[in-house]
């Protein structure tokens, strides 16, 4: 499952797949250290920018399901990928049953037409196909990377020039050890100058009654020389609440991407696994709350320490549908982020229980850079940022306050308000709001200086800022 930048990129299944490396909180930083922002957009998806706060809470962005919450593609199960490339939306989907993959295209991202069957990949077991465009590739034949289920429930790797005709690496054999039945995502990390692989790890009895699903991240800095030279960076499972947490939640799949310099993970989380206390008979109408899969977002500043706030807050990035909808029980992987996901109208089930269900692909949208932020309700809240060096330019804020307001002021290194650099009482909903400063001429005097922002919010959410 995966989320796309403003020019829609990619999404996969929608349960618990993402770009993961460790299972701890956000990396520790010294709040007093000035940050260089270099005219880049700064996202408030975590606590990285918050030095002082009062009466504010973390908020997810508002998601809108297109097509009235109905599916946009019903001719196959996702287990695949959507990329936006060369002016087209490109969809890889598992054909009905377990009959391999098809490839479809769309100009608007809503109406897809099948183009061809995918060839050249020796799928084994549960078919999944995670596709990436490899920006580091020097050969056209390696433009696309494909992660698939190889023999022995392990990660296989394939290359393609057109996304339709593939050549399996390592003669079709696995490039790693056992990975279990879920996504195997390969992608290029320009920050680390290495390829990464996100795949499954079993804790406990693999595939048995004692199975506990987890995630493994691996890295390979010389993929062009060796497709099997992968080393484990980390393995993790949900266990913040102790060993018994496996009965509450397990990570089913993970995919990830990098946006605005931050690592994002989309997690398909299997909740109350194997708990069929709501009934063992197929029910295609009632929404269930046990043995279901939800879709969460996680973030990291270093691809090693991850913030799972939304999982433990029980706030999925895309909520499951209500009674009678196609996505009531399972979710698995411009100026908007586009999130393609799979939905199903019955639960996961157990080896002893086989539910009859139908599945399809849906699409949800979030406005640009509004994946998560910080907000306040009727009682005003306040945030003071970490110090940073002010580059040349003016401040732009991504603020959602259609029925509220926000005030902003610039503080010096000592935390004192800089005369002239305050703006008050704004009521708006803009991706880029330029403050109406008391004295705009003062901006020229703070270039290169260490400053902080002080934001007061009322019935408003602050998502991002930049100076340019």
Protein backbone atom coordinates (compact mmCIF):
# COMPACT_ATOMS: atom_id res chain seq x y z
CA UNK A 1 0.00 0.00 0.00
CA UNK A 2 1.41 3.24 -0.70
CA UNK A 3 0.74 6.85 -0.76
CA UNK A 4 1.49 9.22 -3.61
CA UNK A 5 2.97 12.69 -3.57
CA UNK A 6 0.95 15.54 -5.04
CA UNK A 7 1.55 14.20 -8.51
CA UNK A 8 0.06 10.84 -7.57
CA UNK A 9 2.62 8.14 -7.14
CA UNK A 10 1.92 4.79 -5.70
CA UNK A 11 -0.08 2.85 -3.24
CA UNK A 12 -0.42 -0.77 -2.45
CA UNK A 13 -2.63 -2.98 -0.44
CA UNK A 14 -3.76 -1.02 2.57
CA UNK A 15 -3.33 -2.95 5.79
CA UNK A 16 0.11 -2.80 7.24
CA UNK A 17 2.74 -2.52 4.56
CA UNK A 18 5.36 0.19 4.63
CA UNK A 19 8.94 1.29 4.52
CA UNK A 20 10.17 0.19 7.92
CA UNK A 21 13.38 -0.30 9.81
CA UNK A 22 12.77 -0.26 13.55
CA UNK A 23 9.90 -0.17 15.99
CA UNK A 24 10.64 2.68 18.34
CA UNK A 25 9.62 6.32 18.63
CA UNK A 26 10.95 9.27 16.70
CA UNK A 27 14.70 9.86 16.78
CA UNK A 28 15.91 12.00 19.65
CA UNK A 29 17.03 15.52 18.74
CA UNK A 30 18.35 18.41 20.75
CA UNK A 31 15.60 21.02 20.83
CA UNK A 32 18.17 23.81 21.18
CA UNK A 33 20.07 22.94 18.01
CA UNK A 34 19.19 25.37 15.18
CA UNK A 35 17.85 23.60 12.10
CA UNK A 36 18.73 24.56 8.53
CA UNK A 37 15.60 24.48 6.42
CA UNK A 38 17.11 25.63 3.09
CA UNK A 39 13.84 26.86 1.56
CA UNK A 40 12.30 23.39 1.79
CA UNK A 41 8.81 22.49 2.93
CA UNK A 42 8.83 21.36 6.56
CA UNK A 43 6.11 18.88 7.55
CA UNK A 44 4.59 18.70 11.02
CA UNK A 45 3.79 14.99 10.79
CA UNK A 46 5.51 14.23 14.12
CA UNK A 47 6.95 16.09 17.11
CA UNK A 48 10.21 16.99 15.37
CA UNK A 49 9.40 20.71 15.08
CA UNK A 50 7.53 21.12 18.36
CA UNK A 51 9.71 22.55 21.13
CA UNK A 52 6.94 23.93 23.35
CA UNK A 53 3.20 23.34 23.12
CA UNK A 54 -0.01 23.93 25.03
CA UNK A 55 -3.49 22.60 24.37
CA UNK A 56 -2.70 21.14 20.95
CA UNK A 57 -2.97 17.55 19.73
CA UNK A 58 -1.80 15.60 16.74
CA UNK A 59 -4.33 15.36 13.90
CA UNK A 60 -4.61 13.24 10.80
CA UNK A 61 -5.51 14.98 7.57
CA UNK A 62 -9.04 14.67 6.21
CA UNK A 63 -9.43 11.83 3.72
CA UNK A 64 -12.05 11.88 0.97
CA UNK A 65 -13.00 8.61 -0.68
CA UNK A 66 -13.80 9.11 -4.36
CA UNK A 67 -16.77 7.58 -6.16
CA UNK A 68 -18.91 8.05 -3.08
CA UNK A 69 -16.79 5.52 -1.21
CA UNK A 70 -17.35 2.85 -3.83
CA UNK A 71 -14.63 0.97 -5.71
CA UNK A 72 -13.02 2.28 -8.88
CA UNK A 73 -11.71 -1.09 -10.16
CA UNK A 74 -13.44 -4.43 -9.66
CA UNK A 75 -11.72 -6.71 -12.19
CA UNK A 76 -9.06 -7.97 -9.81
CA UNK A 77 -7.52 -7.93 -6.34
CA UNK A 78 -4.89 -5.31 -5.58
CA UNK A 79 -1.86 -7.03 -4.05
CA UNK A 80 -0.10 -4.77 -6.51
CA UNK A 81 0.85 -1.18 -7.22
CA UNK A 82 -0.27 2.10 -8.78
CA UNK A 83 2.37 4.47 -10.17
CA UNK A 84 1.98 7.79 -11.94
CA UNK A 85 4.51 7.78 -14.77
CA UNK A 86 4.82 9.49 -18.15
CA UNK A 87 1.44 11.19 -17.77
CA UNK A 88 -0.44 7.97 -17.02
CA UNK A 89 -1.62 6.04 -14.00
CA UNK A 90 -0.22 2.52 -14.20
CA UNK A 91 -1.88 -0.28 -12.27
CA UNK A 92 -0.52 -3.76 -11.56
CA UNK A 93 -3.27 -5.98 -10.15
CA UNK A 94 -3.70 -9.62 -9.31
CA UNK A 95 -6.16 -11.25 -11.64
CA UNK A 96 -9.21 -12.95 -10.09
CA UNK A 97 -8.19 -16.06 -8.20
CA UNK A 98 -4.45 -16.75 -8.22
CA UNK A 99 -3.78 -16.48 -11.91
CA UNK A 100 -0.91 -14.01 -12.01
CA UNK A 101 -1.00 -10.28 -12.67
CA UNK A 102 -2.53 -7.91 -15.16
CA UNK A 103 -1.43 -4.41 -16.14
CA UNK A 104 -3.86 -1.51 -16.74
CA UNK A 105 -3.55 2.20 -17.50
CA UNK A 106 -5.61 5.34 -16.95
CA UNK A 107 -5.38 9.00 -17.89
CA UNK A 108 -7.47 10.25 -14.97
CA UNK A 109 -6.62 7.69 -12.29
CA UNK A 110 -10.24 6.60 -12.05
CA UNK A 111 -11.11 4.66 -15.22
CA UNK A 112 -8.55 1.93 -15.91
CA UNK A 113 -8.32 -0.21 -19.04
CA UNK A 114 -6.40 -3.44 -19.05
CA UNK A 115 -3.44 -3.36 -21.43
CA UNK A 116 -1.77 -6.75 -21.03
CA UNK A 117 -0.92 -9.66 -18.79
CA UNK A 118 2.35 -9.45 -16.88
CA UNK A 119 4.87 -12.02 -18.11
CA UNK A 120 8.24 -13.38 -17.01
CA UNK A 121 7.72 -13.57 -13.23
CA UNK A 122 7.72 -17.06 -11.68
CA UNK A 123 5.14 -16.37 -8.95
CA UNK A 124 4.79 -18.92 -6.15
CA UNK A 125 2.36 -19.08 -3.24
CA UNK A 126 0.22 -15.98 -2.59
CA UNK A 127 0.85 -13.64 -5.49
CA UNK A 128 1.95 -10.10 -4.68
CA UNK A 129 3.77 -7.63 -6.90
CA UNK A 130 5.30 -4.41 -5.57
CA UNK A 131 6.58 -2.27 -8.45
CA UNK A 132 8.94 0.70 -8.23
CA UNK A 133 10.65 2.95 -10.75
CA UNK A 134 14.35 2.79 -9.92
CA UNK A 135 15.77 6.30 -10.35
CA UNK A 136 19.29 4.91 -9.84
CA UNK A 137 19.05 2.48 -12.78
CA UNK A 138 21.64 3.00 -15.53
CA UNK A 139 20.14 0.43 -17.91
CA UNK A 140 16.67 0.77 -19.51
CA UNK A 141 16.06 -2.92 -18.86
CA UNK A 142 16.22 -2.20 -15.11
CA UNK A 143 13.94 0.83 -15.03
CA UNK A 144 11.26 -1.05 -13.10
CA UNK A 145 11.92 -3.09 -9.96
CA UNK A 146 9.43 -5.78 -9.04
CA UNK A 147 9.22 -7.61 -5.73
CA UNK A 148 7.31 -10.88 -5.87
CA UNK A 149 6.67 -14.12 -3.95
CA UNK A 150 9.36 -16.59 -4.97
CA UNK A 151 9.52 -20.30 -4.21
CA UNK A 152 9.58 -21.14 -0.51
CA UNK A 153 7.68 -18.00 0.52
CA UNK A 154 10.73 -15.81 0.04
CA UNK A 155 11.39 -12.49 -1.70
CA UNK A 156 11.99 -12.58 -5.43
CA UNK A 157 13.29 -9.70 -7.56
CA UNK A 158 12.57 -8.92 -11.20
CA UNK A 159 13.49 -6.16 -13.65
CA UNK A 160 11.56 -4.65 -16.57
CA UNK A 161 11.84 -1.91 -19.14
CA UNK A 162 8.11 -1.49 -19.77
CA UNK A 163 6.48 -2.92 -16.64
CA UNK A 164 4.84 -5.71 -18.65
CA UNK A 165 7.67 -7.99 -19.75
CA UNK A 166 9.85 -8.96 -16.81
CA UNK A 167 13.14 -10.78 -16.26
CA UNK A 168 13.52 -12.53 -12.91
CA UNK A 169 16.84 -12.00 -11.15
CA UNK A 170 18.84 -14.90 -9.68
CA UNK A 171 17.21 -17.24 -12.23
CA UNK A 172 13.88 -16.81 -10.45
CA UNK A 173 15.19 -18.07 -7.13
CA UNK A 174 14.71 -16.02 -3.92
CA UNK A 175 17.22 -13.27 -3.22
CA UNK A 176 16.64 -13.54 0.56
CA UNK A 177 15.45 -16.09 3.10
CA UNK A 178 11.83 -16.78 4.01
CA UNK A 179 9.60 -13.73 3.87
CA UNK A 180 6.09 -15.23 4.24
CA UNK A 181 3.03 -14.34 2.22
CA UNK A 182 2.93 -10.60 1.79
CA UNK A 183 4.58 -7.72 0.01
CA UNK A 184 8.26 -7.68 -0.84
CA UNK A 185 9.04 -4.08 -1.70
CA UNK A 186 12.35 -3.07 -3.26
CA UNK A 187 13.12 0.62 -3.65
CA UNK A 188 16.01 3.00 -4.09
CA UNK A 189 16.88 5.24 -1.12
CA UNK A 190 18.85 8.26 -2.41
CA UNK A 191 19.62 9.36 1.15
CA UNK A 192 21.45 6.12 1.95
CA UNK A 193 22.66 5.50 -1.62
CA UNK A 194 21.39 1.95 -1.32
CA UNK A 195 18.41 -0.20 -2.25
CA UNK A 196 16.06 -1.26 0.50
CA UNK A 197 13.81 -4.27 0.87
CA UNK A 198 10.79 -4.40 3.17
CA UNK A 199 9.38 -7.83 3.71
CA UNK A 200 7.75 -10.04 6.31
CA UNK A 201 9.36 -11.80 9.23
CA UNK A 202 7.62 -14.43 11.32
CA UNK A 203 8.06 -14.42 15.07
CA UNK A 204 6.90 -17.62 16.69
CA UNK A 205 5.73 -20.55 14.58
CA UNK A 206 5.83 -19.56 10.91
CA UNK A 207 2.51 -20.24 9.27
CA UNK A 208 1.16 -22.11 12.29
CA UNK A 209 -1.14 -21.46 15.21
CA UNK A 210 1.64 -19.62 17.06
CA UNK A 211 2.51 -17.33 14.13
CA UNK A 212 3.25 -13.71 15.03
CA UNK A 213 3.67 -11.47 12.01
CA UNK A 214 6.45 -8.90 11.91
CA UNK A 215 8.53 -6.91 9.45
CA UNK A 216 12.13 -7.09 8.29
CA UNK A 217 14.06 -4.33 6.56
CA UNK A 218 17.17 -5.10 4.54
CA UNK A 219 19.67 -3.09 2.53
CA UNK A 220 21.93 -3.69 -0.47
CA UNK A 221 24.41 -1.00 -1.54
CA UNK A 222 25.59 -2.93 -4.62
CA UNK A 223 22.51 -4.28 -6.33
CA UNK A 224 24.09 -3.85 -9.78
CA UNK A 225 26.86 -6.28 -8.79
CA UNK A 226 24.90 -8.70 -6.61
CA UNK A 227 21.14 -9.18 -6.33
CA UNK A 228 21.59 -11.40 -3.25
CA UNK A 229 23.87 -9.19 -1.14
CA UNK A 230 21.19 -8.15 1.36
CA UNK A 231 21.85 -7.60 5.04
CA UNK A 232 19.24 -7.24 7.77
CA UNK A 233 18.92 -3.73 9.13
CA UNK A 234 16.24 -4.56 11.66
CA UNK A 235 13.30 -6.81 12.45
CA UNK A 236 10.31 -5.80 14.53
CA UNK A 237 6.81 -6.63 15.65
CA UNK A 238 4.19 -4.74 17.63
CA UNK A 239 5.06 -5.39 21.28
CA UNK A 240 5.01 -2.03 23.03
CA UNK A 241 2.29 -3.41 25.30
CA UNK A 242 4.12 -6.69 25.95
CA UNK A 243 4.09 -10.18 24.51
CA UNK A 244 0.32 -10.48 24.70
CA UNK A 245 -0.07 -7.64 22.19
CA UNK A 246 0.14 -10.19 19.37
CA UNK A 247 -3.45 -11.10 20.19
CA UNK A 248 -4.46 -7.46 19.67
CA UNK A 249 -2.48 -6.44 16.57
CA UNK A 250 0.13 -7.73 14.16
CA UNK A 251 1.73 -6.05 11.18
CA UNK A 252 0.60 -7.78 8.03
CA UNK A 253 2.45 -5.82 5.38
CA UNK A 254 4.54 -2.68 4.94
CA UNK A 255 5.44 -0.40 2.06
CA UNK A 256 7.16 2.96 2.15
CA UNK A 257 8.30 6.04 0.30
CA UNK A 258 10.23 9.27 0.89
CA UNK A 259 8.50 12.65 0.70
CA UNK A 260 9.85 16.06 1.74
CA UNK A 261 12.90 14.28 3.16
CA UNK A 262 10.78 12.17 5.54
CA UNK A 263 10.31 8.42 5.43
CA UNK A 264 6.67 7.35 5.36
CA UNK A 265 5.33 3.89 5.98
CA UNK A 266 1.91 2.51 5.25
CA UNK A 267 1.03 -0.31 7.59
CA UNK A 268 -1.59 -2.95 7.03
CA UNK A 269 -2.38 -3.98 10.60
CA UNK A 270 -4.18 -7.24 11.36
CA UNK A 271 -6.38 -6.49 14.38
CA UNK A 272 -7.58 -9.17 16.79
CA UNK A 273 -6.16 -11.89 14.51
CA UNK A 274 -8.16 -15.10 14.38
CA UNK A 275 -10.85 -13.75 16.74
CA UNK A 276 -14.12 -14.88 15.14
CA UNK A 277 -16.26 -14.15 18.21
CA UNK A 278 -18.53 -11.99 16.03
CA UNK A 279 -19.59 -15.10 14.15
CA UNK A 280 -18.02 -17.78 11.98
CA UNK A 281 -20.54 -17.49 9.15
CA UNK A 282 -20.01 -15.24 6.15
CA UNK A 283 -21.73 -11.86 6.60
CA UNK A 284 -21.30 -9.48 3.65
CA UNK A 285 -23.39 -6.70 5.20
CA UNK A 286 -22.33 -6.21 8.80
CA UNK A 287 -19.09 -4.37 9.52
CA UNK A 288 -16.89 -6.40 11.87
CA UNK A 289 -14.37 -5.17 14.45
CA UNK A 290 -12.41 -8.41 15.07
CA UNK A 291 -10.18 -10.34 12.67
CA UNK A 292 -10.07 -7.25 10.44
CA UNK A 293 -7.34 -5.21 8.80
CA UNK A 294 -6.85 -1.48 9.10
CA UNK A 295 -4.50 0.86 7.33
CA UNK A 296 -2.19 3.20 9.29
CA UNK A 297 0.58 5.66 8.56
CA UNK A 298 3.97 5.85 10.33
CA UNK A 299 6.84 8.30 9.90
CA UNK A 300 10.57 8.46 10.48
CA UNK A 301 13.27 11.12 10.19
CA UNK A 302 16.10 8.61 9.74
CA UNK A 303 14.49 5.40 8.38
CA UNK A 304 15.46 3.69 11.60
CA UNK A 305 13.33 5.08 14.44
CA UNK A 306 9.61 5.00 13.67
CA UNK A 307 6.66 6.84 15.11
CA UNK A 308 3.65 4.50 15.49
CA UNK A 309 1.45 7.07 17.22
CA UNK A 310 -1.52 6.51 14.91
CA UNK A 311 -1.51 2.74 15.40
CA UNK A 312 -1.72 3.03 19.17
CA UNK A 313 -4.23 5.88 18.89
CA UNK A 314 -6.40 3.53 16.75
CA UNK A 315 -6.69 6.15 14.01
CA UNK A 316 -6.31 4.61 10.52
CA UNK A 317 -5.28 6.93 7.70
CA UNK A 318 -8.15 5.48 5.63
CA UNK A 319 -11.15 4.33 7.68
CA UNK A 320 -12.97 1.15 6.76
CA UNK A 321 -16.46 1.55 5.33
CA UNK A 322 -19.70 1.07 7.21
CA UNK A 323 -22.24 -1.76 6.94
CA UNK A 324 -22.75 -3.01 3.42
CA UNK A 325 -19.71 -1.33 1.84
CA UNK A 326 -17.04 -3.08 -0.20
CA UNK A 327 -14.27 -2.09 2.27
CA UNK A 328 -16.03 -2.70 5.59
CA UNK A 329 -13.71 -5.45 6.91
CA UNK A 330 -10.36 -5.32 5.11
CA UNK A 331 -8.21 -2.45 3.93
CA UNK A 332 -4.94 -3.38 2.41
CA UNK A 333 -2.80 -1.34 0.50
CA UNK A 334 -1.18 18.05 -8.10
CA UNK A 335 -2.51 19.49 -4.88
CA UNK A 336 -3.48 16.13 -3.55
CA UNK A 337 -2.02 12.86 -2.36
CA UNK A 338 -3.80 9.90 -3.94
CA UNK A 339 -4.09 6.69 -1.93
CA UNK A 340 -5.12 3.57 -3.80
CA UNK A 341 -6.17 0.72 -1.55
CA UNK A 342 -7.81 -2.68 -1.61
CA UNK A 343 -11.02 -3.36 0.25
CA UNK A 344 -12.95 -6.53 1.02
CA UNK A 345 -16.37 -7.19 2.54
CA UNK A 346 -15.37 -10.02 4.87
CA UNK A 347 -12.73 -10.72 7.48
CA UNK A 348 -9.31 -12.32 7.13
CA UNK A 349 -10.33 -15.69 8.54
CA UNK A 350 -8.30 -18.63 9.80
CA UNK A 351 -7.06 -21.84 8.14
CA UNK A 352 -10.15 -23.55 9.52
CA UNK A 353 -12.57 -20.81 8.40
CA UNK A 354 -13.07 -19.77 4.80
CA UNK A 355 -15.19 -16.67 4.29
CA UNK A 356 -16.79 -15.92 0.94
CA UNK A 357 -15.88 -12.34 0.08
CA UNK A 358 -15.48 -9.98 -2.82
CA UNK A 359 -12.73 -7.42 -3.14
CA UNK A 360 -12.00 -4.34 -5.21
CA UNK A 361 -9.73 -1.30 -5.42
CA UNK A 362 -10.68 2.09 -4.02
CA UNK A 363 -9.14 5.56 -4.07
CA UNK A 364 -8.90 8.17 -1.31
CA UNK A 365 -7.42 11.67 -1.50
CA UNK A 366 -5.73 14.02 0.95
CA UNK A 367 -4.80 17.63 0.20
CA UNK A 368 -1.12 18.33 -0.36
CA UNK A 369 1.13 17.90 2.70
CA UNK A 370 -1.88 17.33 4.99
CA UNK A 371 -1.08 13.79 5.99
CA UNK A 372 -0.83 14.84 9.63
CA UNK A 373 -0.41 17.99 11.68
CA UNK A 374 -1.13 19.70 15.00
CA UNK A 375 -4.39 21.37 15.93
CA UNK A 376 -6.59 22.93 18.59
CA UNK A 377 -10.34 23.11 19.11
CA UNK A 378 -12.42 25.94 20.58
CA UNK A 379 -9.91 26.55 23.38
CA UNK A 380 -6.87 28.15 21.69
CA UNK A 381 -3.63 26.17 21.59
CA UNK A 382 -0.04 27.23 21.07
CA UNK A 383 3.13 25.84 19.47
CA UNK A 384 6.65 27.25 19.63
CA UNK A 385 9.02 25.61 17.16
CA UNK A 386 12.58 24.54 17.51
CA UNK A 387 15.05 27.25 16.46
CA UNK A 388 16.06 27.46 12.80
CA UNK A 389 18.07 29.72 10.53
CA UNK A 390 15.83 31.98 8.47
CA UNK A 391 16.73 31.81 4.76
CA UNK A 392 15.97 34.52 2.22
CA UNK A 393 12.24 34.82 1.64
CA UNK A 394 8.83 35.01 3.25
CA UNK A 395 6.93 32.51 5.38
CA UNK A 396 4.26 30.27 3.88
CA UNK A 397 1.97 28.22 6.06
CA UNK A 398 -0.24 25.24 5.24
CA UNK A 399 -3.15 25.84 7.62
CA UNK A 400 -6.69 24.50 7.78
CA UNK A 401 -8.89 27.02 9.61
CA UNK A 402 -12.08 27.58 7.58
CA UNK A 403 -14.09 28.19 10.77
CA UNK A 404 -11.29 29.16 13.11
CA UNK A 405 -8.22 31.34 13.23
CA UNK A 406 -4.50 31.36 13.78
CA UNK A 407 -1.91 33.92 14.84
CA UNK A 408 1.77 33.72 13.92
CA UNK A 409 4.80 35.62 15.18
CA UNK A 410 8.56 35.31 14.78
CA UNK A 411 10.69 35.09 17.92
CA UNK A 412 14.40 35.75 18.23
CA UNK A 413 16.89 33.24 19.65
CA UNK A 414 16.04 34.33 23.18
CA UNK A 415 12.34 33.67 22.59
CA UNK A 416 11.37 37.35 22.38
CA UNK A 417 8.92 38.63 19.76
CA UNK A 418 10.58 40.45 16.88
CA UNK A 419 8.79 43.80 16.33
CA UNK A 420 6.78 43.93 13.12
CA UNK A 421 6.77 40.18 12.51
CA UNK A 422 3.35 39.23 13.81
CA UNK A 423 0.12 38.44 11.95
CA UNK A 424 -3.21 37.91 13.70
CA UNK A 425 -6.67 36.49 13.32
CA UNK A 426 -6.50 34.66 10.02
CA UNK A 427 -9.51 32.56 9.04
CA UNK A 428 -8.79 30.48 5.96
CA UNK A 429 -8.03 27.09 4.46
CA UNK A 430 -4.97 27.35 2.24
CA UNK A 431 -2.06 25.16 1.24
CA UNK A 432 0.14 28.26 1.10
CA UNK A 433 -0.80 31.21 3.28
CA UNK A 434 1.53 34.24 3.35
CA UNK A 435 1.08 36.12 6.66
CA UNK A 436 -0.04 39.74 6.61
CA UNK A 437 2.88 41.01 8.72
CA UNK A 438 2.64 44.22 10.76
CA UNK A 439 5.91 45.36 9.13
CA UNK A 440 7.00 43.12 6.19
CA UNK A 441 10.20 45.12 5.84
CA UNK A 442 11.54 43.43 8.96
CA UNK A 443 11.91 40.15 7.04
CA UNK A 444 15.12 41.41 5.44
CA UNK A 445 16.68 41.98 8.87
CA UNK A 446 16.36 38.36 10.04
CA UNK A 447 17.93 36.56 7.05
CA UNK A 448 20.51 34.13 8.42
CA UNK A 449 19.41 34.69 12.02
CA UNK A 450 18.29 31.96 14.43
CA UNK A 451 14.58 32.34 15.07
CA UNK A 452 11.49 30.41 16.17
CA UNK A 453 7.86 30.50 15.12
CA UNK A 454 5.04 30.92 17.60
CA UNK A 455 1.66 29.76 16.32
CA UNK A 456 -1.67 30.15 18.13
CA UNK A 457 -4.51 28.00 16.79
CA UNK A 458 -8.24 27.99 17.41
CA UNK A 459 -10.41 25.45 15.59
CA UNK A 460 -7.49 25.05 13.22
CA UNK A 461 -4.79 22.57 12.17
CA UNK A 462 -1.21 23.45 11.14
CA UNK A 463 0.39 21.00 8.71
CA UNK A 464 3.53 22.52 7.19
CA UNK A 465 5.62 25.63 6.61
CA UNK A 466 8.43 26.91 4.42
CA UNK A 467 10.43 30.08 3.84
CA UNK A 468 11.06 31.01 0.23
